[in-house]
Amino acid sequence: FYKESGGNYQLQIEGMPDIPDVSGLQ
């Protein structure tokens, strides 16, 4: 159920929109 993303593993949920990285905006 997980996919590697940046050294961590993120849960893959069907239908969930991609959440953009807002650290640059912050």
mmCIF file of all heavy atoms, coordinates in Angstrom:
data_MODEL
# 
_entry.id   MODEL 
# 
loop_
_atom_site.group_PDB 
_atom_site.id 
_atom_site.type_symbol 
_atom_site.label_atom_id 
_atom_site.label_alt_id 
_atom_site.label_comp_id 
_atom_site.label_asym_id 
_atom_site.label_entity_id 
_atom_site.label_seq_id 
_atom_site.pdbx_PDB_ins_code 
_atom_site.Cartn_x 
_atom_site.Cartn_y 
_atom_site.Cartn_z 
_atom_site.occupancy 
_atom_site.B_iso_or_equiv 
_atom_site.pdbx_formal_charge 
_atom_site.auth_seq_id 
_atom_site.auth_comp_id 
_atom_site.auth_asym_id 
_atom_site.auth_atom_id 
_atom_site.pdbx_PDB_model_num 
ATOM 1   N N   . PHE A 1 1  ? 0.809  -1.219 0.000  1.00 0.00 ? 1  PHE A N   1 
ATOM 2   C CA  . PHE A 1 1  ? 0.000  0.000  0.000  1.00 0.00 ? 1  PHE A CA  1 
ATOM 3   C C   . PHE A 1 1  ? 0.847  1.277  0.000  1.00 0.00 ? 1  PHE A C   1 
ATOM 4   O O   . PHE A 1 1  ? 0.320  2.370  -0.135 1.00 0.00 ? 1  PHE A O   1 
ATOM 5   C CB  . PHE A 1 1  ? -0.927 0.038  1.227  1.00 0.00 ? 1  PHE A CB  1 
ATOM 6   C CG  . PHE A 1 1  ? -1.990 -1.019 1.199  1.00 0.00 ? 1  PHE A CG  1 
ATOM 7   C CD1 . PHE A 1 1  ? -2.012 -2.038 2.146  1.00 0.00 ? 1  PHE A CD1 1 
ATOM 8   C CD2 . PHE A 1 1  ? -2.983 -1.000 0.231  1.00 0.00 ? 1  PHE A CD2 1 
ATOM 9   C CE1 . PHE A 1 1  ? -2.999 -3.007 2.127  1.00 0.00 ? 1  PHE A CE1 1 
ATOM 10  C CE2 . PHE A 1 1  ? -3.975 -1.965 0.209  1.00 0.00 ? 1  PHE A CE2 1 
ATOM 11  C CZ  . PHE A 1 1  ? -3.986 -2.985 1.153  1.00 0.00 ? 1  PHE A CZ  1 
ATOM 12  N N   . TYR A 1 2  ? 2.154  1.129  0.156  1.00 0.00 ? 2  TYR A N   1 
ATOM 13  C CA  . TYR A 1 2  ? 3.023  2.302  0.279  1.00 0.00 ? 2  TYR A CA  1 
ATOM 14  C C   . TYR A 1 2  ? 3.939  2.447  -0.922 1.00 0.00 ? 2  TYR A C   1 
ATOM 15  O O   . TYR A 1 2  ? 4.298  1.480  -1.576 1.00 0.00 ? 2  TYR A O   1 
ATOM 16  C CB  . TYR A 1 2  ? 3.874  2.200  1.557  1.00 0.00 ? 2  TYR A CB  1 
ATOM 17  C CG  . TYR A 1 2  ? 3.063  2.417  2.817  1.00 0.00 ? 2  TYR A CG  1 
ATOM 18  C CD1 . TYR A 1 2  ? 2.466  1.355  3.481  1.00 0.00 ? 2  TYR A CD1 1 
ATOM 19  C CD2 . TYR A 1 2  ? 2.884  3.691  3.336  1.00 0.00 ? 2  TYR A CD2 1 
ATOM 20  C CE1 . TYR A 1 2  ? 1.719  1.547  4.625  1.00 0.00 ? 2  TYR A CE1 1 
ATOM 21  C CE2 . TYR A 1 2  ? 2.141  3.896  4.483  1.00 0.00 ? 2  TYR A CE2 1 
ATOM 22  C CZ  . TYR A 1 2  ? 1.564  2.828  5.123  1.00 0.00 ? 2  TYR A CZ  1 
ATOM 23  O OH  . TYR A 1 2  ? 0.831  3.032  6.246  1.00 0.00 ? 2  TYR A OH  1 
ATOM 24  N N   . LYS A 1 3  ? 4.322  3.704  -1.202 1.00 0.00 ? 3  LYS A N   1 
ATOM 25  C CA  . LYS A 1 3  ? 5.256  4.015  -2.281 1.00 0.00 ? 3  LYS A CA  1 
ATOM 26  C C   . LYS A 1 3  ? 6.342  4.926  -1.695 1.00 0.00 ? 3  LYS A C   1 
ATOM 27  O O   . LYS A 1 3  ? 6.055  5.817  -0.893 1.00 0.00 ? 3  LYS A O   1 
ATOM 28  C CB  . LYS A 1 3  ? 4.511  4.739  -3.413 1.00 0.00 ? 3  LYS A CB  1 
ATOM 29  C CG  . LYS A 1 3  ? 5.409  5.202  -4.546 1.00 0.00 ? 3  LYS A CG  1 
ATOM 30  C CD  . LYS A 1 3  ? 4.619  5.871  -5.639 1.00 0.00 ? 3  LYS A CD  1 
ATOM 31  C CE  . LYS A 1 3  ? 4.700  7.371  -5.418 1.00 0.00 ? 3  LYS A CE  1 
ATOM 32  N NZ  . LYS A 1 3  ? 4.094  8.150  -6.480 1.00 0.00 ? 3  LYS A NZ  1 
ATOM 33  N N   . GLU A 1 4  ? 7.586  4.682  -2.108 1.00 0.00 ? 4  GLU A N   1 
ATOM 34  C CA  . GLU A 1 4  ? 8.685  5.490  -1.589 1.00 0.00 ? 4  GLU A CA  1 
ATOM 35  C C   . GLU A 1 4  ? 8.594  6.903  -2.157 1.00 0.00 ? 4  GLU A C   1 
ATOM 36  O O   . GLU A 1 4  ? 8.328  7.104  -3.338 1.00 0.00 ? 4  GLU A O   1 
ATOM 37  C CB  . GLU A 1 4  ? 10.035 4.872  -1.945 1.00 0.00 ? 4  GLU A CB  1 
ATOM 38  C CG  . GLU A 1 4  ? 11.183 5.622  -1.314 1.00 0.00 ? 4  GLU A CG  1 
ATOM 39  C CD  . GLU A 1 4  ? 12.526 4.955  -1.535 1.00 0.00 ? 4  GLU A CD  1 
ATOM 40  O OE1 . GLU A 1 4  ? 12.591 3.947  -2.258 1.00 0.00 ? 4  GLU A OE1 1 
ATOM 41  O OE2 . GLU A 1 4  ? 13.504 5.454  -0.973 1.00 0.00 ? 4  GLU A OE2 1 
ATOM 42  N N   . SER A 1 5  ? 8.801  7.869  -1.268 1.00 0.00 ? 5  SER A N   1 
ATOM 43  C CA  . SER A 1 5  ? 8.754  9.258  -1.704 1.00 0.00 ? 5  SER A CA  1 
ATOM 44  C C   . SER A 1 5  ? 9.705  10.075 -0.824 1.00 0.00 ? 5  SER A C   1 
ATOM 45  O O   . SER A 1 5  ? 9.419  10.321 0.335  1.00 0.00 ? 5  SER A O   1 
ATOM 46  C CB  . SER A 1 5  ? 7.323  9.776  -1.632 1.00 0.00 ? 5  SER A CB  1 
ATOM 47  O OG  . SER A 1 5  ? 7.159  10.914 -0.872 1.00 0.00 ? 5  SER A OG  1 
ATOM 48  N N   . GLY A 1 6  ? 10.851 10.427 -1.371 1.00 0.00 ? 6  GLY A N   1 
ATOM 49  C CA  . GLY A 1 6  ? 11.804 11.285 -0.674 1.00 0.00 ? 6  GLY A CA  1 
ATOM 50  C C   . GLY A 1 6  ? 12.378 10.678 0.590  1.00 0.00 ? 6  GLY A C   1 
ATOM 51  O O   . GLY A 1 6  ? 12.515 11.367 1.590  1.00 0.00 ? 6  GLY A O   1 
ATOM 52  N N   . GLY A 1 7  ? 12.729 9.418  0.605  1.00 0.00 ? 7  GLY A N   1 
ATOM 53  C CA  . GLY A 1 7  ? 13.320 8.798  1.785  1.00 0.00 ? 7  GLY A CA  1 
ATOM 54  C C   . GLY A 1 7  ? 12.298 8.261  2.761  1.00 0.00 ? 7  GLY A C   1 
ATOM 55  O O   . GLY A 1 7  ? 12.633 7.519  3.671  1.00 0.00 ? 7  GLY A O   1 
ATOM 56  N N   . ASN A 1 8  ? 11.054 8.623  2.610  1.00 0.00 ? 8  ASN A N   1 
ATOM 57  C CA  . ASN A 1 8  ? 9.960  8.114  3.443  1.00 0.00 ? 8  ASN A CA  1 
ATOM 58  C C   . ASN A 1 8  ? 9.032  7.295  2.565  1.00 0.00 ? 8  ASN A C   1 
ATOM 59  O O   . ASN A 1 8  ? 9.180  7.232  1.351  1.00 0.00 ? 8  ASN A O   1 
ATOM 60  C CB  . ASN A 1 8  ? 9.188  9.265  4.089  1.00 0.00 ? 8  ASN A CB  1 
ATOM 61  C CG  . ASN A 1 8  ? 9.998  9.976  5.147  1.00 0.00 ? 8  ASN A CG  1 
ATOM 62  O OD1 . ASN A 1 8  ? 10.746 9.358  5.884  1.00 0.00 ? 8  ASN A OD1 1 
ATOM 63  N ND2 . ASN A 1 8  ? 9.855  11.290 5.207  1.00 0.00 ? 8  ASN A ND2 1 
ATOM 64  N N   . TYR A 1 9  ? 8.057  6.686  3.174  1.00 0.00 ? 9  TYR A N   1 
ATOM 65  C CA  . TYR A 1 9  ? 7.078  5.900  2.436  1.00 0.00 ? 9  TYR A CA  1 
ATOM 66  C C   . TYR A 1 9  ? 5.702  6.504  2.659  1.00 0.00 ? 9  TYR A C   1 
ATOM 67  O O   . TYR A 1 9  ? 5.287  6.727  3.789  1.00 0.00 ? 9  TYR A O   1 
ATOM 68  C CB  . TYR A 1 9  ? 7.125  4.432  2.886  1.00 0.00 ? 9  TYR A CB  1 
ATOM 69  C CG  . TYR A 1 9  ? 8.409  3.766  2.483  1.00 0.00 ? 9  TYR A CG  1 
ATOM 70  C CD1 . TYR A 1 9  ? 9.525  3.805  3.302  1.00 0.00 ? 9  TYR A CD1 1 
ATOM 71  C CD2 . TYR A 1 9  ? 8.501  3.116  1.261  1.00 0.00 ? 9  TYR A CD2 1 
ATOM 72  C CE1 . TYR A 1 9  ? 10.712 3.202  2.917  1.00 0.00 ? 9  TYR A CE1 1 
ATOM 73  C CE2 . TYR A 1 9  ? 9.681  2.512  0.862  1.00 0.00 ? 9  TYR A CE2 1 
ATOM 74  C CZ  . TYR A 1 9  ? 10.786 2.568  1.693  1.00 0.00 ? 9  TYR A CZ  1 
ATOM 75  O OH  . TYR A 1 9  ? 11.952 1.980  1.299  1.00 0.00 ? 9  TYR A OH  1 
ATOM 76  N N   . GLN A 1 10 ? 4.997  6.745  1.538  1.00 0.00 ? 10 GLN A N   1 
ATOM 77  C CA  . GLN A 1 10 ? 3.713  7.428  1.578  1.00 0.00 ? 10 GLN A CA  1 
ATOM 78  C C   . GLN A 1 10 ? 2.607  6.455  1.198  1.00 0.00 ? 10 GLN A C   1 
ATOM 79  O O   . GLN A 1 10 ? 2.741  5.688  0.249  1.00 0.00 ? 10 GLN A O   1 
ATOM 80  C CB  . GLN A 1 10 ? 3.741  8.608  0.606  1.00 0.00 ? 10 GLN A CB  1 
ATOM 81  C CG  . GLN A 1 10 ? 2.515  9.447  0.621  1.00 0.00 ? 10 GLN A CG  1 
ATOM 82  C CD  . GLN A 1 10 ? 2.676  10.655 -0.302 1.00 0.00 ? 10 GLN A CD  1 
ATOM 83  O OE1 . GLN A 1 10 ? 3.744  10.937 -0.798 1.00 0.00 ? 10 GLN A OE1 1 
ATOM 84  N NE2 . GLN A 1 10 ? 1.585  11.346 -0.527 1.00 0.00 ? 10 GLN A NE2 1 
ATOM 85  N N   . LEU A 1 11 ? 1.505  6.495  1.937  1.00 0.00 ? 11 LEU A N   1 
ATOM 86  C CA  . LEU A 1 11 ? 0.355  5.638  1.674  1.00 0.00 ? 11 LEU A CA  1 
ATOM 87  C C   . LEU A 1 11 ? -0.290 6.059  0.362  1.00 0.00 ? 11 LEU A C   1 
ATOM 88  O O   . LEU A 1 11 ? -0.540 7.237  0.124  1.00 0.00 ? 11 LEU A O   1 
ATOM 89  C CB  . LEU A 1 11 ? -0.659 5.754  2.826  1.00 0.00 ? 11 LEU A CB  1 
ATOM 90  C CG  . LEU A 1 11 ? -1.921 4.912  2.733  1.00 0.00 ? 11 LEU A CG  1 
ATOM 91  C CD1 . LEU A 1 11 ? -1.572 3.427  2.790  1.00 0.00 ? 11 LEU A CD1 1 
ATOM 92  C CD2 . LEU A 1 11 ? -2.870 5.266  3.867  1.00 0.00 ? 11 LEU A CD2 1 
ATOM 93  N N   . GLN A 1 12 ? -0.549 5.076  -0.515 1.00 0.00 ? 12 GLN A N   1 
ATOM 94  C CA  . GLN A 1 12 ? -1.182 5.348  -1.796 1.00 0.00 ? 12 GLN A CA  1 
ATOM 95  C C   . GLN A 1 12 ? -2.689 5.163  -1.658 1.00 0.00 ? 12 GLN A C   1 
ATOM 96  O O   . GLN A 1 12 ? -3.162 4.078  -1.361 1.00 0.00 ? 12 GLN A O   1 
ATOM 97  C CB  . GLN A 1 12 ? -0.628 4.394  -2.871 1.00 0.00 ? 12 GLN A CB  1 
ATOM 98  C CG  . GLN A 1 12 ? 0.837  4.571  -3.131 1.00 0.00 ? 12 GLN A CG  1 
ATOM 99  C CD  . GLN A 1 12 ? 1.141  5.983  -3.596 1.00 0.00 ? 12 GLN A CD  1 
ATOM 100 O OE1 . GLN A 1 12 ? 0.585  6.453  -4.575 1.00 0.00 ? 12 GLN A OE1 1 
ATOM 101 N NE2 . GLN A 1 12 ? 2.014  6.657  -2.867 1.00 0.00 ? 12 GLN A NE2 1 
ATOM 102 N N   . ILE A 1 13 ? -3.437 6.268  -1.855 1.00 0.00 ? 13 ILE A N   1 
ATOM 103 C CA  . ILE A 1 13 ? -4.879 6.234  -1.723 1.00 0.00 ? 13 ILE A CA  1 
ATOM 104 C C   . ILE A 1 13 ? -5.481 6.577  -3.073 1.00 0.00 ? 13 ILE A C   1 
ATOM 105 O O   . ILE A 1 13 ? -5.182 7.626  -3.648 1.00 0.00 ? 13 ILE A O   1 
ATOM 106 C CB  . ILE A 1 13 ? -5.360 7.232  -0.640 1.00 0.00 ? 13 ILE A CB  1 
ATOM 107 C CG1 . ILE A 1 13 ? -4.706 6.898  0.702  1.00 0.00 ? 13 ILE A CG1 1 
ATOM 108 C CG2 . ILE A 1 13 ? -6.878 7.214  -0.541 1.00 0.00 ? 13 ILE A CG2 1 
ATOM 109 C CD1 . ILE A 1 13 ? -4.955 7.926  1.770  1.00 0.00 ? 13 ILE A CD1 1 
ATOM 110 N N   . GLU A 1 14 ? -6.346 5.716  -3.563 1.00 0.00 ? 14 GLU A N   1 
ATOM 111 C CA  . GLU A 1 14 ? -6.965 5.940  -4.858 1.00 0.00 ? 14 GLU A CA  1 
ATOM 112 C C   . GLU A 1 14 ? -7.967 7.091  -4.768 1.00 0.00 ? 14 GLU A C   1 
ATOM 113 O O   . GLU A 1 14 ? -8.763 7.177  -3.841 1.00 0.00 ? 14 GLU A O   1 
ATOM 114 C CB  . GLU A 1 14 ? -7.687 4.672  -5.308 1.00 0.00 ? 14 GLU A CB  1 
ATOM 115 C CG  . GLU A 1 14 ? -8.251 4.766  -6.714 1.00 0.00 ? 14 GLU A CG  1 
ATOM 116 C CD  . GLU A 1 14 ? -8.899 3.457  -7.143 1.00 0.00 ? 14 GLU A CD  1 
ATOM 117 O OE1 . GLU A 1 14 ? -8.378 2.394  -6.796 1.00 0.00 ? 14 GLU A OE1 1 
ATOM 118 O OE2 . GLU A 1 14 ? -9.937 3.528  -7.811 1.00 0.00 ? 14 GLU A OE2 1 
ATOM 119 N N   . GLY A 1 15 ? -7.885 8.013  -5.726 1.00 0.00 ? 15 GLY A N   1 
ATOM 120 C CA  . GLY A 1 15 ? -8.810 9.132  -5.774 1.00 0.00 ? 15 GLY A CA  1 
ATOM 121 C C   . GLY A 1 15 ? -8.362 10.353 -4.971 1.00 0.00 ? 15 GLY A C   1 
ATOM 122 O O   . GLY A 1 15 ? -8.982 11.399 -5.026 1.00 0.00 ? 15 GLY A O   1 
ATOM 123 N N   . MET A 1 16 ? -7.284 10.205 -4.224 1.00 0.00 ? 16 MET A N   1 
ATOM 124 C CA  . MET A 1 16 ? -6.804 11.341 -3.435 1.00 0.00 ? 16 MET A CA  1 
ATOM 125 C C   . MET A 1 16 ? -5.956 12.240 -4.326 1.00 0.00 ? 16 MET A C   1 
ATOM 126 O O   . MET A 1 16 ? -5.014 11.780 -4.979 1.00 0.00 ? 16 MET A O   1 
ATOM 127 C CB  . MET A 1 16 ? -5.964 10.856 -2.254 1.00 0.00 ? 16 MET A CB  1 
ATOM 128 C CG  . MET A 1 16 ? -5.490 11.968 -1.368 1.00 0.00 ? 16 MET A CG  1 
ATOM 129 S SD  . MET A 1 16 ? -4.713 11.247 0.082  1.00 0.00 ? 16 MET A SD  1 
ATOM 130 C CE  . MET A 1 16 ? -3.906 12.665 0.728  1.00 0.00 ? 16 MET A CE  1 
ATOM 131 N N   . PRO A 1 17 ? -6.302 13.533 -4.377 1.00 0.00 ? 17 PRO A N   1 
ATOM 132 C CA  . PRO A 1 17 ? -5.522 14.426 -5.236 1.00 0.00 ? 17 PRO A CA  1 
ATOM 133 C C   . PRO A 1 17 ? -4.116 14.629 -4.655 1.00 0.00 ? 17 PRO A C   1 
ATOM 134 O O   . PRO A 1 17 ? -3.904 14.522 -3.447 1.00 0.00 ? 17 PRO A O   1 
ATOM 135 C CB  . PRO A 1 17 ? -6.320 15.732 -5.206 1.00 0.00 ? 17 PRO A CB  1 
ATOM 136 C CG  . PRO A 1 17 ? -7.092 15.669 -3.946 1.00 0.00 ? 17 PRO A CG  1 
ATOM 137 C CD  . PRO A 1 17 ? -7.370 14.217 -3.690 1.00 0.00 ? 17 PRO A CD  1 
ATOM 138 N N   . ASP A 1 18 ? -3.176 14.881 -5.545 1.00 0.00 ? 18 ASP A N   1 
ATOM 139 C CA  . ASP A 1 18 ? -1.808 15.140 -5.095 1.00 0.00 ? 18 ASP A CA  1 
ATOM 140 C C   . ASP A 1 18 ? -1.770 16.455 -4.341 1.00 0.00 ? 18 ASP A C   1 
ATOM 141 O O   . ASP A 1 18 ? -2.299 17.471 -4.797 1.00 0.00 ? 18 ASP A O   1 
ATOM 142 C CB  . ASP A 1 18 ? -0.849 15.210 -6.296 1.00 0.00 ? 18 ASP A CB  1 
ATOM 143 C CG  . ASP A 1 18 ? -0.620 13.840 -6.910 1.00 0.00 ? 18 ASP A CG  1 
ATOM 144 O OD1 . ASP A 1 18 ? -0.776 12.837 -6.184 1.00 0.00 ? 18 ASP A OD1 1 
ATOM 145 O OD2 . ASP A 1 18 ? -0.289 13.784 -8.116 1.00 0.00 ? 18 ASP A OD2 1 
ATOM 146 N N   . ILE A 1 19 ? -1.155 16.425 -3.186 1.00 0.00 ? 19 ILE A N   1 
ATOM 147 C CA  . ILE A 1 19 ? -1.026 17.634 -2.377 1.00 0.00 ? 19 ILE A CA  1 
ATOM 148 C C   . ILE A 1 19 ? 0.311  18.263 -2.736 1.00 0.00 ? 19 ILE A C   1 
ATOM 149 O O   . ILE A 1 19 ? 1.365  17.648 -2.539 1.00 0.00 ? 19 ILE A O   1 
ATOM 150 C CB  . ILE A 1 19 ? -1.087 17.306 -0.871 1.00 0.00 ? 19 ILE A CB  1 
ATOM 151 C CG1 . ILE A 1 19 ? -2.416 16.642 -0.548 1.00 0.00 ? 19 ILE A CG1 1 
ATOM 152 C CG2 . ILE A 1 19 ? -0.866 18.549 -0.036 1.00 0.00 ? 19 ILE A CG2 1 
ATOM 153 C CD1 . ILE A 1 19 ? -2.506 16.118 0.866  1.00 0.00 ? 19 ILE A CD1 1 
ATOM 154 N N   . PRO A 1 20 ? 0.268  19.479 -3.262 1.00 0.00 ? 20 PRO A N   1 
ATOM 155 C CA  . PRO A 1 20 ? 1.532  20.100 -3.666 1.00 0.00 ? 20 PRO A CA  1 
ATOM 156 C C   . PRO A 1 20 ? 2.366  20.487 -2.437 1.00 0.00 ? 20 PRO A C   1 
ATOM 157 O O   . PRO A 1 20 ? 1.843  20.722 -1.357 1.00 0.00 ? 20 PRO A O   1 
ATOM 158 C CB  . PRO A 1 20 ? 1.090  21.336 -4.443 1.00 0.00 ? 20 PRO A CB  1 
ATOM 159 C CG  . PRO A 1 20 ? -0.259 21.644 -3.919 1.00 0.00 ? 20 PRO A CG  1 
ATOM 160 C CD  . PRO A 1 20 ? -0.869 20.324 -3.532 1.00 0.00 ? 20 PRO A CD  1 
ATOM 161 N N   . ASP A 1 21 ? 3.657  20.554 -2.650 1.00 0.00 ? 21 ASP A N   1 
ATOM 162 C CA  . ASP A 1 21 ? 4.576  20.956 -1.579 1.00 0.00 ? 21 ASP A CA  1 
ATOM 163 C C   . ASP A 1 21 ? 4.478  22.470 -1.426 1.00 0.00 ? 21 ASP A C   1 
ATOM 164 O O   . ASP A 1 21 ? 4.692  23.219 -2.372 1.00 0.00 ? 21 ASP A O   1 
ATOM 165 C CB  . ASP A 1 21 ? 6.004  20.546 -1.942 1.00 0.00 ? 21 ASP A CB  1 
ATOM 166 C CG  . ASP A 1 21 ? 6.977  20.836 -0.832 1.00 0.00 ? 21 ASP A CG  1 
ATOM 167 O OD1 . ASP A 1 21 ? 6.538  20.924 0.330  1.00 0.00 ? 21 ASP A OD1 1 
ATOM 168 O OD2 . ASP A 1 21 ? 8.182  20.972 -1.129 1.00 0.00 ? 21 ASP A OD2 1 
ATOM 169 N N   . VAL A 1 22 ? 4.114  22.927 -0.222 1.00 0.00 ? 22 VAL A N   1 
ATOM 170 C CA  . VAL A 1 22 ? 3.910  24.358 0.017  1.00 0.00 ? 22 VAL A CA  1 
ATOM 171 C C   . VAL A 1 22 ? 5.052  24.988 0.802  1.00 0.00 ? 22 VAL A C   1 
ATOM 172 O O   . VAL A 1 22 ? 4.959  26.134 1.223  1.00 0.00 ? 22 VAL A O   1 
ATOM 173 C CB  . VAL A 1 22 ? 2.573  24.608 0.762  1.00 0.00 ? 22 VAL A CB  1 
ATOM 174 C CG1 . VAL A 1 22 ? 1.406  24.226 -0.121 1.00 0.00 ? 22 VAL A CG1 1 
ATOM 175 C CG2 . VAL A 1 22 ? 2.531  23.875 2.070  1.00 0.00 ? 22 VAL A CG2 1 
ATOM 176 N N   . SER A 1 23 ? 6.139  24.253 0.972  1.00 0.00 ? 23 SER A N   1 
ATOM 177 C CA  . SER A 1 23 ? 7.256  24.806 1.741  1.00 0.00 ? 23 SER A CA  1 
ATOM 178 C C   . SER A 1 23 ? 7.866  26.014 1.038  1.00 0.00 ? 23 SER A C   1 
ATOM 179 O O   . SER A 1 23 ? 8.289  26.965 1.689  1.00 0.00 ? 23 SER A O   1 
ATOM 180 C CB  . SER A 1 23 ? 8.309  23.739 2.011  1.00 0.00 ? 23 SER A CB  1 
ATOM 181 O OG  . SER A 1 23 ? 8.845  23.264 0.787  1.00 0.00 ? 23 SER A OG  1 
ATOM 182 N N   . GLY A 1 24 ? 7.909  25.990 -0.285 1.00 0.00 ? 24 GLY A N   1 
ATOM 183 C CA  . GLY A 1 24 ? 8.432  27.135 -1.034 1.00 0.00 ? 24 GLY A CA  1 
ATOM 184 C C   . GLY A 1 24 ? 7.564  28.367 -0.829 1.00 0.00 ? 24 GLY A C   1 
ATOM 185 O O   . GLY A 1 24 ? 8.071  29.483 -0.671 1.00 0.00 ? 24 GLY A O   1 
ATOM 186 N N   . LEU A 1 25 ? 6.252  28.166 -0.827 1.00 0.00 ? 25 LEU A N   1 
ATOM 187 C CA  . LEU A 1 25 ? 5.335  29.278 -0.578 1.00 0.00 ? 25 LEU A CA  1 
ATOM 188 C C   . LEU A 1 25 ? 5.507  29.827 0.832  1.00 0.00 ? 25 LEU A C   1 
ATOM 189 O O   . LEU A 1 25 ? 5.490  31.037 1.053  1.00 0.00 ? 25 LEU A O   1 
ATOM 190 C CB  . LEU A 1 25 ? 3.885  28.826 -0.791 1.00 0.00 ? 25 LEU A CB  1 
ATOM 191 C CG  . LEU A 1 25 ? 3.472  28.494 -2.216 1.00 0.00 ? 25 LEU A CG  1 
ATOM 192 C CD1 . LEU A 1 25 ? 2.063  27.929 -2.233 1.00 0.00 ? 25 LEU A CD1 1 
ATOM 193 C CD2 . LEU A 1 25 ? 3.549  29.735 -3.082 1.00 0.00 ? 25 LEU A CD2 1 
ATOM 194 N N   . GLN A 1 26 ? 5.685  28.938 1.791  1.00 0.00 ? 26 GLN A N   1 
ATOM 195 C CA  . GLN A 1 26 ? 5.870  29.375 3.176  1.00 0.00 ? 26 GLN A CA  1 
ATOM 196 C C   . GLN A 1 26 ? 7.145  30.191 3.315  1.00 0.00 ? 26 GLN A C   1 
ATOM 197 O O   . GLN A 1 26 ? 7.160  31.213 3.994  1.00 0.00 ? 26 GLN A O   1 
ATOM 198 C CB  . GLN A 1 26 ? 5.907  28.159 4.106  1.00 0.00 ? 26 GLN A CB  1 
ATOM 199 C CG  . GLN A 1 26 ? 5.995  28.514 5.576  1.00 0.00 ? 26 GLN A CG  1 
ATOM 200 C CD  . GLN A 1 26 ? 4.789  29.277 6.070  1.00 0.00 ? 26 GLN A CD  1 
ATOM 201 O OE1 . GLN A 1 26 ? 3.667  28.987 5.678  1.00 0.00 ? 26 GLN A OE1 1 
ATOM 202 N NE2 . GLN A 1 26 ? 5.017  30.266 6.899  1.00 0.00 ? 26 GLN A NE2 1 
# 
